[in-house]
mmCIF file of all heavy atoms, coordinates in Angstrom:
data_MODEL
# 
_entry.id   MODEL 
# 
loop_
_atom_site.group_PDB 
_atom_site.id 
_atom_site.type_symbol 
_atom_site.label_atom_id 
_atom_site.label_alt_id 
_atom_site.label_comp_id 
_atom_site.label_asym_id 
_atom_site.label_entity_id 
_atom_site.label_seq_id 
_atom_site.pdbx_PDB_ins_code 
_atom_site.Cartn_x 
_atom_site.Cartn_y 
_atom_site.Cartn_z 
_atom_site.occupancy 
_atom_site.B_iso_or_equiv 
_atom_site.pdbx_formal_charge 
_atom_site.auth_seq_id 
_atom_site.auth_comp_id 
_atom_site.auth_asym_id 
_atom_site.auth_atom_id 
_atom_site.pdbx_PDB_model_num 
ATOM 1   N N   . GLU A 1 1  ? 0.828   -1.196  0.000  1.00 0.00 ? 1  GLU A N   1 
ATOM 2   C CA  . GLU A 1 1  ? 0.000   0.000   0.000  1.00 0.00 ? 1  GLU A CA  1 
ATOM 3   C C   . GLU A 1 1  ? 0.869   1.256   0.000  1.00 0.00 ? 1  GLU A C   1 
ATOM 4   O O   . GLU A 1 1  ? 2.094   1.187   0.141  1.00 0.00 ? 1  GLU A O   1 
ATOM 5   C CB  . GLU A 1 1  ? -0.915  -0.003  1.238  1.00 0.00 ? 1  GLU A CB  1 
ATOM 6   C CG  . GLU A 1 1  ? -1.790  -1.243  1.377  1.00 0.00 ? 1  GLU A CG  1 
ATOM 7   C CD  . GLU A 1 1  ? -2.890  -1.320  0.331  1.00 0.00 ? 1  GLU A CD  1 
ATOM 8   O OE1 . GLU A 1 1  ? -3.214  -0.256  -0.263 1.00 0.00 ? 1  GLU A OE1 1 
ATOM 9   O OE2 . GLU A 1 1  ? -3.431  -2.422  0.117  1.00 0.00 ? 1  GLU A OE2 1 
ATOM 10  N N   . ASP A 1 2  ? 0.218   2.418   -0.142 1.00 0.00 ? 2  ASP A N   1 
ATOM 11  C CA  . ASP A 1 2  ? 0.966   3.676   -0.200 1.00 0.00 ? 2  ASP A CA  1 
ATOM 12  C C   . ASP A 1 2  ? 1.715   3.948   1.098  1.00 0.00 ? 2  ASP A C   1 
ATOM 13  O O   . ASP A 1 2  ? 2.864   4.420   1.069  1.00 0.00 ? 2  ASP A O   1 
ATOM 14  C CB  . ASP A 1 2  ? 0.009   4.843   -0.485 1.00 0.00 ? 2  ASP A CB  1 
ATOM 15  C CG  . ASP A 1 2  ? -0.574  4.786   -1.895 1.00 0.00 ? 2  ASP A CG  1 
ATOM 16  O OD1 . ASP A 1 2  ? 0.050   4.137   -2.763 1.00 0.00 ? 2  ASP A OD1 1 
ATOM 17  O OD2 . ASP A 1 2  ? -1.647  5.390   -2.113 1.00 0.00 ? 2  ASP A OD2 1 
ATOM 18  N N   . ASP A 1 3  ? 1.063   3.646   2.232  1.00 0.00 ? 3  ASP A N   1 
ATOM 19  C CA  . ASP A 1 3  ? 1.645   4.005   3.531  1.00 0.00 ? 3  ASP A CA  1 
ATOM 20  C C   . ASP A 1 3  ? 2.382   2.866   4.224  1.00 0.00 ? 3  ASP A C   1 
ATOM 21  O O   . ASP A 1 3  ? 3.102   3.101   5.189  1.00 0.00 ? 3  ASP A O   1 
ATOM 22  C CB  . ASP A 1 3  ? 0.551   4.514   4.470  1.00 0.00 ? 3  ASP A CB  1 
ATOM 23  C CG  . ASP A 1 3  ? -0.132  5.757   3.943  1.00 0.00 ? 3  ASP A CG  1 
ATOM 24  O OD1 . ASP A 1 3  ? 0.560   6.560   3.283  1.00 0.00 ? 3  ASP A OD1 1 
ATOM 25  O OD2 . ASP A 1 3  ? -1.337  5.920   4.173  1.00 0.00 ? 3  ASP A OD2 1 
ATOM 26  N N   . PHE A 1 4  ? 2.189   1.664   3.750  1.00 0.00 ? 4  PHE A N   1 
ATOM 27  C CA  . PHE A 1 4  ? 2.801   0.534   4.437  1.00 0.00 ? 4  PHE A CA  1 
ATOM 28  C C   . PHE A 1 4  ? 2.903   -0.674  3.505  1.00 0.00 ? 4  PHE A C   1 
ATOM 29  O O   . PHE A 1 4  ? 2.244   -0.747  2.465  1.00 0.00 ? 4  PHE A O   1 
ATOM 30  C CB  . PHE A 1 4  ? 2.000   0.159   5.693  1.00 0.00 ? 4  PHE A CB  1 
ATOM 31  C CG  . PHE A 1 4  ? 0.629   -0.407  5.404  1.00 0.00 ? 4  PHE A CG  1 
ATOM 32  C CD1 . PHE A 1 4  ? 0.424   -1.783  5.355  1.00 0.00 ? 4  PHE A CD1 1 
ATOM 33  C CD2 . PHE A 1 4  ? -0.457  0.427   5.179  1.00 0.00 ? 4  PHE A CD2 1 
ATOM 34  C CE1 . PHE A 1 4  ? -0.837  -2.309  5.085  1.00 0.00 ? 4  PHE A CE1 1 
ATOM 35  C CE2 . PHE A 1 4  ? -1.721  -0.086  4.917  1.00 0.00 ? 4  PHE A CE2 1 
ATOM 36  C CZ  . PHE A 1 4  ? -1.906  -1.460  4.869  1.00 0.00 ? 4  PHE A CZ  1 
ATOM 37  N N   . PHE A 1 5  ? 3.720   -1.614  3.932  1.00 0.00 ? 5  PHE A N   1 
ATOM 38  C CA  . PHE A 1 5  ? 3.855   -2.919  3.277  1.00 0.00 ? 5  PHE A CA  1 
ATOM 39  C C   . PHE A 1 5  ? 3.529   -3.963  4.331  1.00 0.00 ? 5  PHE A C   1 
ATOM 40  O O   . PHE A 1 5  ? 3.980   -3.875  5.472  1.00 0.00 ? 5  PHE A O   1 
ATOM 41  C CB  . PHE A 1 5  ? 5.282   -3.096  2.761  1.00 0.00 ? 5  PHE A CB  1 
ATOM 42  C CG  . PHE A 1 5  ? 5.546   -4.412  2.084  1.00 0.00 ? 5  PHE A CG  1 
ATOM 43  C CD1 . PHE A 1 5  ? 5.349   -4.568  0.724  1.00 0.00 ? 5  PHE A CD1 1 
ATOM 44  C CD2 . PHE A 1 5  ? 6.000   -5.512  2.811  1.00 0.00 ? 5  PHE A CD2 1 
ATOM 45  C CE1 . PHE A 1 5  ? 5.602   -5.774  0.091  1.00 0.00 ? 5  PHE A CE1 1 
ATOM 46  C CE2 . PHE A 1 5  ? 6.243   -6.714  2.194  1.00 0.00 ? 5  PHE A CE2 1 
ATOM 47  C CZ  . PHE A 1 5  ? 6.051   -6.853  0.830  1.00 0.00 ? 5  PHE A CZ  1 
ATOM 48  N N   . LEU A 1 6  ? 2.710   -4.946  3.969  1.00 0.00 ? 6  LEU A N   1 
ATOM 49  C CA  . LEU A 1 6  ? 2.304   -5.974  4.933  1.00 0.00 ? 6  LEU A CA  1 
ATOM 50  C C   . LEU A 1 6  ? 2.612   -7.359  4.393  1.00 0.00 ? 6  LEU A C   1 
ATOM 51  O O   . LEU A 1 6  ? 2.210   -7.709  3.282  1.00 0.00 ? 6  LEU A O   1 
ATOM 52  C CB  . LEU A 1 6  ? 0.807   -5.868  5.228  1.00 0.00 ? 6  LEU A CB  1 
ATOM 53  C CG  . LEU A 1 6  ? 0.177   -7.022  6.029  1.00 0.00 ? 6  LEU A CG  1 
ATOM 54  C CD1 . LEU A 1 6  ? 0.800   -7.124  7.418  1.00 0.00 ? 6  LEU A CD1 1 
ATOM 55  C CD2 . LEU A 1 6  ? -1.333  -6.844  6.143  1.00 0.00 ? 6  LEU A CD2 1 
ATOM 56  N N   . ALA A 1 7  ? 3.324   -8.137  5.193  1.00 0.00 ? 7  ALA A N   1 
ATOM 57  C CA  . ALA A 1 7  ? 3.527   -9.567  4.931  1.00 0.00 ? 7  ALA A CA  1 
ATOM 58  C C   . ALA A 1 7  ? 2.613   -10.339 5.869  1.00 0.00 ? 7  ALA A C   1 
ATOM 59  O O   . ALA A 1 7  ? 2.687   -10.178 7.093  1.00 0.00 ? 7  ALA A O   1 
ATOM 60  C CB  . ALA A 1 7  ? 4.987   -9.948  5.155  1.00 0.00 ? 7  ALA A CB  1 
ATOM 61  N N   . TRP A 1 8  ? 1.743   -11.180 5.287  1.00 0.00 ? 8  TRP A N   1 
ATOM 62  C CA  . TRP A 1 8  ? 0.698   -11.909 6.030  1.00 0.00 ? 8  TRP A CA  1 
ATOM 63  C C   . TRP A 1 8  ? 0.960   -13.391 5.828  1.00 0.00 ? 8  TRP A C   1 
ATOM 64  O O   . TRP A 1 8  ? 0.890   -13.887 4.715  1.00 0.00 ? 8  TRP A O   1 
ATOM 65  C CB  . TRP A 1 8  ? -0.658  -11.490 5.476  1.00 0.00 ? 8  TRP A CB  1 
ATOM 66  C CG  . TRP A 1 8  ? -1.875  -12.184 5.998  1.00 0.00 ? 8  TRP A CG  1 
ATOM 67  C CD1 . TRP A 1 8  ? -2.039  -13.498 6.274  1.00 0.00 ? 8  TRP A CD1 1 
ATOM 68  C CD2 . TRP A 1 8  ? -3.147  -11.567 6.276  1.00 0.00 ? 8  TRP A CD2 1 
ATOM 69  N NE1 . TRP A 1 8  ? -3.310  -13.754 6.704  1.00 0.00 ? 8  TRP A NE1 1 
ATOM 70  C CE2 . TRP A 1 8  ? -4.013  -12.585 6.705  1.00 0.00 ? 8  TRP A CE2 1 
ATOM 71  C CE3 . TRP A 1 8  ? -3.621  -10.259 6.175  1.00 0.00 ? 8  TRP A CE3 1 
ATOM 72  C CZ2 . TRP A 1 8  ? -5.335  -12.319 7.050  1.00 0.00 ? 8  TRP A CZ2 1 
ATOM 73  C CZ3 . TRP A 1 8  ? -4.930  -10.010 6.529  1.00 0.00 ? 8  TRP A CZ3 1 
ATOM 74  C CH2 . TRP A 1 8  ? -5.775  -11.029 6.958  1.00 0.00 ? 8  TRP A CH2 1 
ATOM 75  N N   . ASP A 1 9  ? 1.263   -14.095 6.909  1.00 0.00 ? 9  ASP A N   1 
ATOM 76  C CA  . ASP A 1 9  ? 1.619   -15.507 6.822  1.00 0.00 ? 9  ASP A CA  1 
ATOM 77  C C   . ASP A 1 9  ? 0.726   -16.312 7.758  1.00 0.00 ? 9  ASP A C   1 
ATOM 78  O O   . ASP A 1 9  ? 0.577   -15.971 8.933  1.00 0.00 ? 9  ASP A O   1 
ATOM 79  C CB  . ASP A 1 9  ? 3.096   -15.702 7.197  1.00 0.00 ? 9  ASP A CB  1 
ATOM 80  C CG  . ASP A 1 9  ? 3.563   -17.120 6.996  1.00 0.00 ? 9  ASP A CG  1 
ATOM 81  O OD1 . ASP A 1 9  ? 3.179   -17.741 5.990  1.00 0.00 ? 9  ASP A OD1 1 
ATOM 82  O OD2 . ASP A 1 9  ? 4.311   -17.622 7.856  1.00 0.00 ? 9  ASP A OD2 1 
ATOM 83  N N   . ASN A 1 10 ? 0.106   -17.373 7.241  1.00 0.00 ? 10 ASN A N   1 
ATOM 84  C CA  . ASN A 1 10 ? -0.783  -18.222 8.037  1.00 0.00 ? 10 ASN A CA  1 
ATOM 85  C C   . ASN A 1 10 ? -0.110  -19.541 8.389  1.00 0.00 ? 10 ASN A C   1 
ATOM 86  O O   . ASN A 1 10 ? 0.625   -20.110 7.569  1.00 0.00 ? 10 ASN A O   1 
ATOM 87  C CB  . ASN A 1 10 ? -2.063  -18.540 7.258  1.00 0.00 ? 10 ASN A CB  1 
ATOM 88  C CG  . ASN A 1 10 ? -2.858  -17.308 6.909  1.00 0.00 ? 10 ASN A CG  1 
ATOM 89  O OD1 . ASN A 1 10 ? -3.012  -16.405 7.725  1.00 0.00 ? 10 ASN A OD1 1 
ATOM 90  N ND2 . ASN A 1 10 ? -3.358  -17.243 5.685  1.00 0.00 ? 10 ASN A ND2 1 
ATOM 91  N N   . GLU A 1 11 ? -0.393  -20.033 9.571  1.00 0.00 ? 11 GLU A N   1 
ATOM 92  C CA  . GLU A 1 11 ? 0.055   -21.362 9.981  1.00 0.00 ? 11 GLU A CA  1 
ATOM 93  C C   . GLU A 1 11 ? -1.147  -22.132 10.515 1.00 0.00 ? 11 GLU A C   1 
ATOM 94  O O   . GLU A 1 11 ? -1.801  -21.684 11.466 1.00 0.00 ? 11 GLU A O   1 
ATOM 95  C CB  . GLU A 1 11 ? 1.143   -21.285 11.052 1.00 0.00 ? 11 GLU A CB  1 
ATOM 96  C CG  . GLU A 1 11 ? 2.496   -20.843 10.523 1.00 0.00 ? 11 GLU A CG  1 
ATOM 97  C CD  . GLU A 1 11 ? 3.592   -20.973 11.569 1.00 0.00 ? 11 GLU A CD  1 
ATOM 98  O OE1 . GLU A 1 11 ? 3.320   -21.529 12.664 1.00 0.00 ? 11 GLU A OE1 1 
ATOM 99  O OE2 . GLU A 1 11 ? 4.719   -20.516 11.297 1.00 0.00 ? 11 GLU A OE2 1 
ATOM 100 N N   . TYR A 1 12 ? -1.448  -23.261 9.897  1.00 0.00 ? 12 TYR A N   1 
ATOM 101 C CA  . TYR A 1 12 ? -2.589  -24.075 10.297 1.00 0.00 ? 12 TYR A CA  1 
ATOM 102 C C   . TYR A 1 12 ? -2.165  -25.039 11.398 1.00 0.00 ? 12 TYR A C   1 
ATOM 103 O O   . TYR A 1 12 ? -1.125  -25.698 11.310 1.00 0.00 ? 12 TYR A O   1 
ATOM 104 C CB  . TYR A 1 12 ? -3.134  -24.845 9.098  1.00 0.00 ? 12 TYR A CB  1 
ATOM 105 C CG  . TYR A 1 12 ? -4.372  -25.667 9.403  1.00 0.00 ? 12 TYR A CG  1 
ATOM 106 C CD1 . TYR A 1 12 ? -5.632  -25.089 9.404  1.00 0.00 ? 12 TYR A CD1 1 
ATOM 107 C CD2 . TYR A 1 12 ? -4.270  -27.034 9.692  1.00 0.00 ? 12 TYR A CD2 1 
ATOM 108 C CE1 . TYR A 1 12 ? -6.767  -25.834 9.693  1.00 0.00 ? 12 TYR A CE1 1 
ATOM 109 C CE2 . TYR A 1 12 ? -5.396  -27.786 9.970  1.00 0.00 ? 12 TYR A CE2 1 
ATOM 110 C CZ  . TYR A 1 12 ? -6.641  -27.180 9.969  1.00 0.00 ? 12 TYR A CZ  1 
ATOM 111 O OH  . TYR A 1 12 ? -7.752  -27.920 10.255 1.00 0.00 ? 12 TYR A OH  1 
ATOM 112 N N   . GLU A 1 13 ? -2.998  -25.121 12.454 1.00 0.00 ? 13 GLU A N   1 
ATOM 113 C CA  . GLU A 1 13 ? -2.730  -26.027 13.555 1.00 0.00 ? 13 GLU A CA  1 
ATOM 114 C C   . GLU A 1 13 ? -3.922  -26.964 13.723 1.00 0.00 ? 13 GLU A C   1 
ATOM 115 O O   . GLU A 1 13 ? -4.913  -26.882 13.009 1.00 0.00 ? 13 GLU A O   1 
ATOM 116 C CB  . GLU A 1 13 ? -2.465  -25.239 14.838 1.00 0.00 ? 13 GLU A CB  1 
ATOM 117 C CG  . GLU A 1 13 ? -1.260  -24.308 14.729 1.00 0.00 ? 13 GLU A CG  1 
ATOM 118 C CD  . GLU A 1 13 ? -0.969  -23.588 16.029 1.00 0.00 ? 13 GLU A CD  1 
ATOM 119 O OE1 . GLU A 1 13 ? -1.817  -23.637 16.949 1.00 0.00 ? 13 GLU A OE1 1 
ATOM 120 O OE2 . GLU A 1 13 ? 0.099   -22.964 16.118 1.00 0.00 ? 13 GLU A OE2 1 
ATOM 121 N N   . GLU A 1 14 ? -3.847  -27.858 14.680 1.00 0.00 ? 14 GLU A N   1 
ATOM 122 C CA  . GLU A 1 14 ? -4.945  -28.793 14.917 1.00 0.00 ? 14 GLU A CA  1 
ATOM 123 C C   . GLU A 1 14 ? -6.166  -28.058 15.436 1.00 0.00 ? 14 GLU A C   1 
ATOM 124 O O   . GLU A 1 14 ? -6.085  -26.897 15.857 1.00 0.00 ? 14 GLU A O   1 
ATOM 125 C CB  . GLU A 1 14 ? -4.511  -29.873 15.903 1.00 0.00 ? 14 GLU A CB  1 
ATOM 126 C CG  . GLU A 1 14 ? -4.129  -29.351 17.265 1.00 0.00 ? 14 GLU A CG  1 
ATOM 127 C CD  . GLU A 1 14 ? -3.664  -30.449 18.203 1.00 0.00 ? 14 GLU A CD  1 
ATOM 128 O OE1 . GLU A 1 14 ? -3.516  -31.608 17.764 1.00 0.00 ? 14 GLU A OE1 1 
ATOM 129 O OE2 . GLU A 1 14 ? -3.474  -30.132 19.390 1.00 0.00 ? 14 GLU A OE2 1 
ATOM 130 N N   . ASP A 1 15 ? -7.327  -28.731 15.369 1.00 0.00 ? 15 ASP A N   1 
ATOM 131 C CA  . ASP A 1 15 ? -8.602  -28.183 15.835 1.00 0.00 ? 15 ASP A CA  1 
ATOM 132 C C   . ASP A 1 15 ? -9.029  -26.954 15.032 1.00 0.00 ? 15 ASP A C   1 
ATOM 133 O O   . ASP A 1 15 ? -9.683  -26.045 15.564 1.00 0.00 ? 15 ASP A O   1 
ATOM 134 C CB  . ASP A 1 15 ? -8.545  -27.831 17.323 1.00 0.00 ? 15 ASP A CB  1 
ATOM 135 C CG  . ASP A 1 15 ? -8.359  -29.050 18.207 1.00 0.00 ? 15 ASP A CG  1 
ATOM 136 O OD1 . ASP A 1 15 ? -8.880  -30.131 17.854 1.00 0.00 ? 15 ASP A OD1 1 
ATOM 137 O OD2 . ASP A 1 15 ? -7.683  -28.932 19.245 1.00 0.00 ? 15 ASP A OD2 1 
ATOM 138 N N   . ASP A 1 16 ? -8.659  -26.927 13.749 1.00 0.00 ? 16 ASP A N   1 
ATOM 139 C CA  . ASP A 1 16 ? -9.050  -25.841 12.839 1.00 0.00 ? 16 ASP A CA  1 
ATOM 140 C C   . ASP A 1 16 ? -8.620  -24.470 13.331 1.00 0.00 ? 16 ASP A C   1 
ATOM 141 O O   . ASP A 1 16 ? -9.312  -23.464 13.133 1.00 0.00 ? 16 ASP A O   1 
ATOM 142 C CB  . ASP A 1 16 ? -10.558 -25.874 12.587 1.00 0.00 ? 16 ASP A CB  1 
ATOM 143 C CG  . ASP A 1 16 ? -10.968 -27.088 11.767 1.00 0.00 ? 16 ASP A CG  1 
ATOM 144 O OD1 . ASP A 1 16 ? -10.300 -27.366 10.754 1.00 0.00 ? 16 ASP A OD1 1 
ATOM 145 O OD2 . ASP A 1 16 ? -11.945 -27.765 12.146 1.00 0.00 ? 16 ASP A OD2 1 
ATOM 146 N N   . ILE A 1 17 ? -7.459  -24.419 13.952 1.00 0.00 ? 17 ILE A N   1 
ATOM 147 C CA  . ILE A 1 17 ? -6.871  -23.163 14.408 1.00 0.00 ? 17 ILE A CA  1 
ATOM 148 C C   . ILE A 1 17 ? -5.885  -22.662 13.360 1.00 0.00 ? 17 ILE A C   1 
ATOM 149 O O   . ILE A 1 17 ? -5.081  -23.432 12.825 1.00 0.00 ? 17 ILE A O   1 
ATOM 150 C CB  . ILE A 1 17 ? -6.165  -23.341 15.761 1.00 0.00 ? 17 ILE A CB  1 
ATOM 151 C CG1 . ILE A 1 17 ? -7.202  -23.598 16.863 1.00 0.00 ? 17 ILE A CG1 1 
ATOM 152 C CG2 . ILE A 1 17 ? -5.322  -22.118 16.116 1.00 0.00 ? 17 ILE A CG2 1 
ATOM 153 C CD1 . ILE A 1 17 ? -6.597  -23.927 18.217 1.00 0.00 ? 17 ILE A CD1 1 
ATOM 154 N N   . VAL A 1 18 ? -5.959  -21.380 13.064 1.00 0.00 ? 18 VAL A N   1 
ATOM 155 C CA  . VAL A 1 18 ? -5.006  -20.735 12.171 1.00 0.00 ? 18 VAL A CA  1 
ATOM 156 C C   . VAL A 1 18 ? -4.353  -19.584 12.923 1.00 0.00 ? 18 VAL A C   1 
ATOM 157 O O   . VAL A 1 18 ? -5.053  -18.735 13.493 1.00 0.00 ? 18 VAL A O   1 
ATOM 158 C CB  . VAL A 1 18 ? -5.678  -20.217 10.889 1.00 0.00 ? 18 VAL A CB  1 
ATOM 159 C CG1 . VAL A 1 18 ? -4.710  -19.347 10.089 1.00 0.00 ? 18 VAL A CG1 1 
ATOM 160 C CG2 . VAL A 1 18 ? -6.164  -21.370 10.031 1.00 0.00 ? 18 VAL A CG2 1 
ATOM 161 N N   . LYS A 1 19 ? -3.030  -19.564 12.928 1.00 0.00 ? 19 LYS A N   1 
ATOM 162 C CA  . LYS A 1 19 ? -2.299  -18.426 13.469 1.00 0.00 ? 19 LYS A CA  1 
ATOM 163 C C   . LYS A 1 19 ? -1.888  -17.535 12.307 1.00 0.00 ? 19 LYS A C   1 
ATOM 164 O O   . LYS A 1 19 ? -1.318  -17.993 11.324 1.00 0.00 ? 19 LYS A O   1 
ATOM 165 C CB  . LYS A 1 19 ? -1.062  -18.883 14.252 1.00 0.00 ? 19 LYS A CB  1 
ATOM 166 C CG  . LYS A 1 19 ? -1.399  -19.420 15.633 1.00 0.00 ? 19 LYS A CG  1 
ATOM 167 C CD  . LYS A 1 19 ? -0.170  -19.541 16.506 1.00 0.00 ? 19 LYS A CD  1 
ATOM 168 C CE  . LYS A 1 19 ? -0.569  -19.916 17.942 1.00 0.00 ? 19 LYS A CE  1 
ATOM 169 N NZ  . LYS A 1 19 ? 0.626   -20.043 18.813 1.00 0.00 ? 19 LYS A NZ  1 
ATOM 170 N N   . ILE A 1 20 ? -2.207  -16.261 12.427 1.00 0.00 ? 20 ILE A N   1 
ATOM 171 C CA  . ILE A 1 20 ? -1.956  -15.287 11.369 1.00 0.00 ? 20 ILE A CA  1 
ATOM 172 C C   . ILE A 1 20 ? -0.863  -14.343 11.846 1.00 0.00 ? 20 ILE A C   1 
ATOM 173 O O   . ILE A 1 20 ? -1.030  -13.611 12.821 1.00 0.00 ? 20 ILE A O   1 
ATOM 174 C CB  . ILE A 1 20 ? -3.240  -14.500 11.043 1.00 0.00 ? 20 ILE A CB  1 
ATOM 175 C CG1 . ILE A 1 20 ? -4.368  -15.465 10.654 1.00 0.00 ? 20 ILE A CG1 1 
ATOM 176 C CG2 . ILE A 1 20 ? -2.989  -13.482 9.932  1.00 0.00 ? 20 ILE A CG2 1 
ATOM 177 C CD1 . ILE A 1 20 ? -5.735  -14.814 10.574 1.00 0.00 ? 20 ILE A CD1 1 
ATOM 178 N N   . TYR A 1 21 ? 0.274   -14.384 11.165 1.00 0.00 ? 21 TYR A N   1 
ATOM 179 C CA  . TYR A 1 21 ? 1.418   -13.546 11.512 1.00 0.00 ? 21 TYR A CA  1 
ATOM 180 C C   . TYR A 1 21 ? 1.430   -12.333 10.588 1.00 0.00 ? 21 TYR A C   1 
ATOM 181 O O   . TYR A 1 21 ? 1.529   -12.470 9.364  1.00 0.00 ? 21 TYR A O   1 
ATOM 182 C CB  . TYR A 1 21 ? 2.716   -14.332 11.388 1.00 0.00 ? 21 TYR A CB  1 
ATOM 183 C CG  . TYR A 1 21 ? 2.817   -15.489 12.360 1.00 0.00 ? 21 TYR A CG  1 
ATOM 184 C CD1 . TYR A 1 21 ? 2.309   -16.744 12.031 1.00 0.00 ? 21 TYR A CD1 1 
ATOM 185 C CD2 . TYR A 1 21 ? 3.411   -15.325 13.611 1.00 0.00 ? 21 TYR A CD2 1 
ATOM 186 C CE1 . TYR A 1 21 ? 2.396   -17.808 12.922 1.00 0.00 ? 21 TYR A CE1 1 
ATOM 187 C CE2 . TYR A 1 21 ? 3.505   -16.391 14.509 1.00 0.00 ? 21 TYR A CE2 1 
ATOM 188 C CZ  . TYR A 1 21 ? 2.994   -17.629 14.157 1.00 0.00 ? 21 TYR A CZ  1 
ATOM 189 O OH  . TYR A 1 21 ? 3.074   -18.683 15.035 1.00 0.00 ? 21 TYR A OH  1 
ATOM 190 N N   . LEU A 1 22 ? 1.312   -11.154 11.191 1.00 0.00 ? 22 LEU A N   1 
ATOM 191 C CA  . LEU A 1 22 ? 1.260   -9.912  10.428 1.00 0.00 ? 22 LEU A CA  1 
ATOM 192 C C   . LEU A 1 22 ? 2.518   -9.093  10.704 1.00 0.00 ? 22 LEU A C   1 
ATOM 193 O O   . LEU A 1 22 ? 2.814   -8.774  11.864 1.00 0.00 ? 22 LEU A O   1 
ATOM 194 C CB  . LEU A 1 22 ? 0.023   -9.097  10.823 1.00 0.00 ? 22 LEU A CB  1 
ATOM 195 C CG  . LEU A 1 22 ? -1.329  -9.792  10.668 1.00 0.00 ? 22 LEU A CG  1 
ATOM 196 C CD1 . LEU A 1 22 ? -2.426  -8.936  11.287 1.00 0.00 ? 22 LEU A CD1 1 
ATOM 197 C CD2 . LEU A 1 22 ? -1.627  -10.073 9.210  1.00 0.00 ? 22 LEU A CD2 1 
ATOM 198 N N   . ASP A 1 23 ? 3.242   -8.750  9.662  1.00 0.00 ? 23 ASP A N   1 
ATOM 199 C CA  . ASP A 1 23 ? 4.414   -7.889  9.778  1.00 0.00 ? 23 ASP A CA  1 
ATOM 200 C C   . ASP A 1 23 ? 4.189   -6.643  8.936  1.00 0.00 ? 23 ASP A C   1 
ATOM 201 O O   . ASP A 1 23 ? 4.183   -6.698  7.701  1.00 0.00 ? 23 ASP A O   1 
ATOM 202 C CB  . ASP A 1 23 ? 5.676   -8.621  9.313  1.00 0.00 ? 23 ASP A CB  1 
ATOM 203 C CG  . ASP A 1 23 ? 6.130   -9.677  10.306 1.00 0.00 ? 23 ASP A CG  1 
ATOM 204 O OD1 . ASP A 1 23 ? 6.457   -9.305  11.437 1.00 0.00 ? 23 ASP A OD1 1 
ATOM 205 O OD2 . ASP A 1 23 ? 6.143   -10.865 9.943  1.00 0.00 ? 23 ASP A OD2 1 
ATOM 206 N N   . PHE A 1 24 ? 3.985   -5.506  9.637  1.00 0.00 ? 24 PHE A N   1 
ATOM 207 C CA  . PHE A 1 24 ? 3.798   -4.221  8.968  1.00 0.00 ? 24 PHE A CA  1 
ATOM 208 C C   . PHE A 1 24 ? 5.144   -3.514  8.836  1.00 0.00 ? 24 PHE A C   1 
ATOM 209 O O   . PHE A 1 24 ? 5.918   -3.444  9.792  1.00 0.00 ? 24 PHE A O   1 
ATOM 210 C CB  . PHE A 1 24 ? 2.861   -3.323  9.783  1.00 0.00 ? 24 PHE A CB  1 
ATOM 211 C CG  . PHE A 1 24 ? 1.438   -3.781  9.825  1.00 0.00 ? 24 PHE A CG  1 
ATOM 212 C CD1 . PHE A 1 24 ? 1.002   -4.655  10.813 1.00 0.00 ? 24 PHE A CD1 1 
ATOM 213 C CD2 . PHE A 1 24 ? 0.522   -3.331  8.894  1.00 0.00 ? 24 PHE A CD2 1 
ATOM 214 C CE1 . PHE A 1 24 ? -0.318  -5.068  10.869 1.00 0.00 ? 24 PHE A CE1 1 
ATOM 215 C CE2 . PHE A 1 24 ? -0.809  -3.740  8.941  1.00 0.00 ? 24 PHE A CE2 1 
ATOM 216 C CZ  . PHE A 1 24 ? -1.224  -4.613  9.927  1.00 0.00 ? 24 PHE A CZ  1 
ATOM 217 N N   . PHE A 1 25 ? 5.396   -2.966  7.678  1.00 0.00 ? 25 PHE A N   1 
ATOM 218 C CA  . PHE A 1 25 ? 6.572   -2.137  7.445  1.00 0.00 ? 25 PHE A CA  1 
ATOM 219 C C   . PHE A 1 25 ? 6.052   -0.757  7.048  1.00 0.00 ? 25 PHE A C   1 
ATOM 220 O O   . PHE A 1 25 ? 5.531   -0.565  5.947  1.00 0.00 ? 25 PHE A O   1 
ATOM 221 C CB  . PHE A 1 25 ? 7.459   -2.744  6.365  1.00 0.00 ? 25 PHE A CB  1 
ATOM 222 C CG  . PHE A 1 25 ? 7.985   -4.109  6.729  1.00 0.00 ? 25 PHE A CG  1 
ATOM 223 C CD1 . PHE A 1 25 ? 7.238   -5.259  6.451  1.00 0.00 ? 25 PHE A CD1 1 
ATOM 224 C CD2 . PHE A 1 25 ? 9.202   -4.253  7.374  1.00 0.00 ? 25 PHE A CD2 1 
ATOM 225 C CE1 . PHE A 1 25 ? 7.713   -6.516  6.799  1.00 0.00 ? 25 PHE A CE1 1 
ATOM 226 C CE2 . PHE A 1 25 ? 9.686   -5.514  7.727  1.00 0.00 ? 25 PHE A CE2 1 
ATOM 227 C CZ  . PHE A 1 25 ? 8.938   -6.646  7.441  1.00 0.00 ? 25 PHE A CZ  1 
ATOM 228 N N   . VAL A 1 26 ? 6.192   0.195   7.980  1.00 0.00 ? 26 VAL A N   1 
ATOM 229 C CA  . VAL A 1 26 ? 5.572   1.508   7.830  1.00 0.00 ? 26 VAL A CA  1 
ATOM 230 C C   . VAL A 1 26 ? 6.646   2.550   7.548  1.00 0.00 ? 26 VAL A C   1 
ATOM 231 O O   . VAL A 1 26 ? 7.618   2.691   8.311  1.00 0.00 ? 26 VAL A O   1 
ATOM 232 C CB  . VAL A 1 26 ? 4.790   1.889   9.111  1.00 0.00 ? 26 VAL A CB  1 
ATOM 233 C CG1 . VAL A 1 26 ? 4.099   3.235   8.928  1.00 0.00 ? 26 VAL A CG1 1 
ATOM 234 C CG2 . VAL A 1 26 ? 3.777   0.797   9.453  1.00 0.00 ? 26 VAL A CG2 1 
ATOM 235 N N   . PHE A 1 27 ? 6.472   3.278   6.456  1.00 0.00 ? 27 PHE A N   1 
ATOM 236 C CA  . PHE A 1 27 ? 7.458   4.287   6.048  1.00 0.00 ? 27 PHE A CA  1 
ATOM 237 C C   . PHE A 1 27 ? 7.389   5.490   6.982  1.00 0.00 ? 27 PHE A C   1 
ATOM 238 O O   . PHE A 1 27 ? 6.317   6.042   7.234  1.00 0.00 ? 27 PHE A O   1 
ATOM 239 C CB  . PHE A 1 27 ? 7.185   4.729   4.610  1.00 0.00 ? 27 PHE A CB  1 
ATOM 240 C CG  . PHE A 1 27 ? 8.257   5.597   4.027  1.00 0.00 ? 27 PHE A CG  1 
ATOM 241 C CD1 . PHE A 1 27 ? 9.549   5.114   3.886  1.00 0.00 ? 27 PHE A CD1 1 
ATOM 242 C CD2 . PHE A 1 27 ? 7.972   6.897   3.634  1.00 0.00 ? 27 PHE A CD2 1 
ATOM 243 C CE1 . PHE A 1 27 ? 10.551  5.913   3.342  1.00 0.00 ? 27 PHE A CE1 1 
ATOM 244 C CE2 . PHE A 1 27 ? 8.959   7.704   3.096  1.00 0.00 ? 27 PHE A CE2 1 
ATOM 245 C CZ  . PHE A 1 27 ? 10.261  7.209   2.942  1.00 0.00 ? 27 PHE A CZ  1 
# 
């Protein structure tokens, strides 16, 4: 995006759990 860059990474675990890792890089 204009104001930031985002890397979004998902990790699936048991019991239909998803961990979402968000890394914002803000100018």
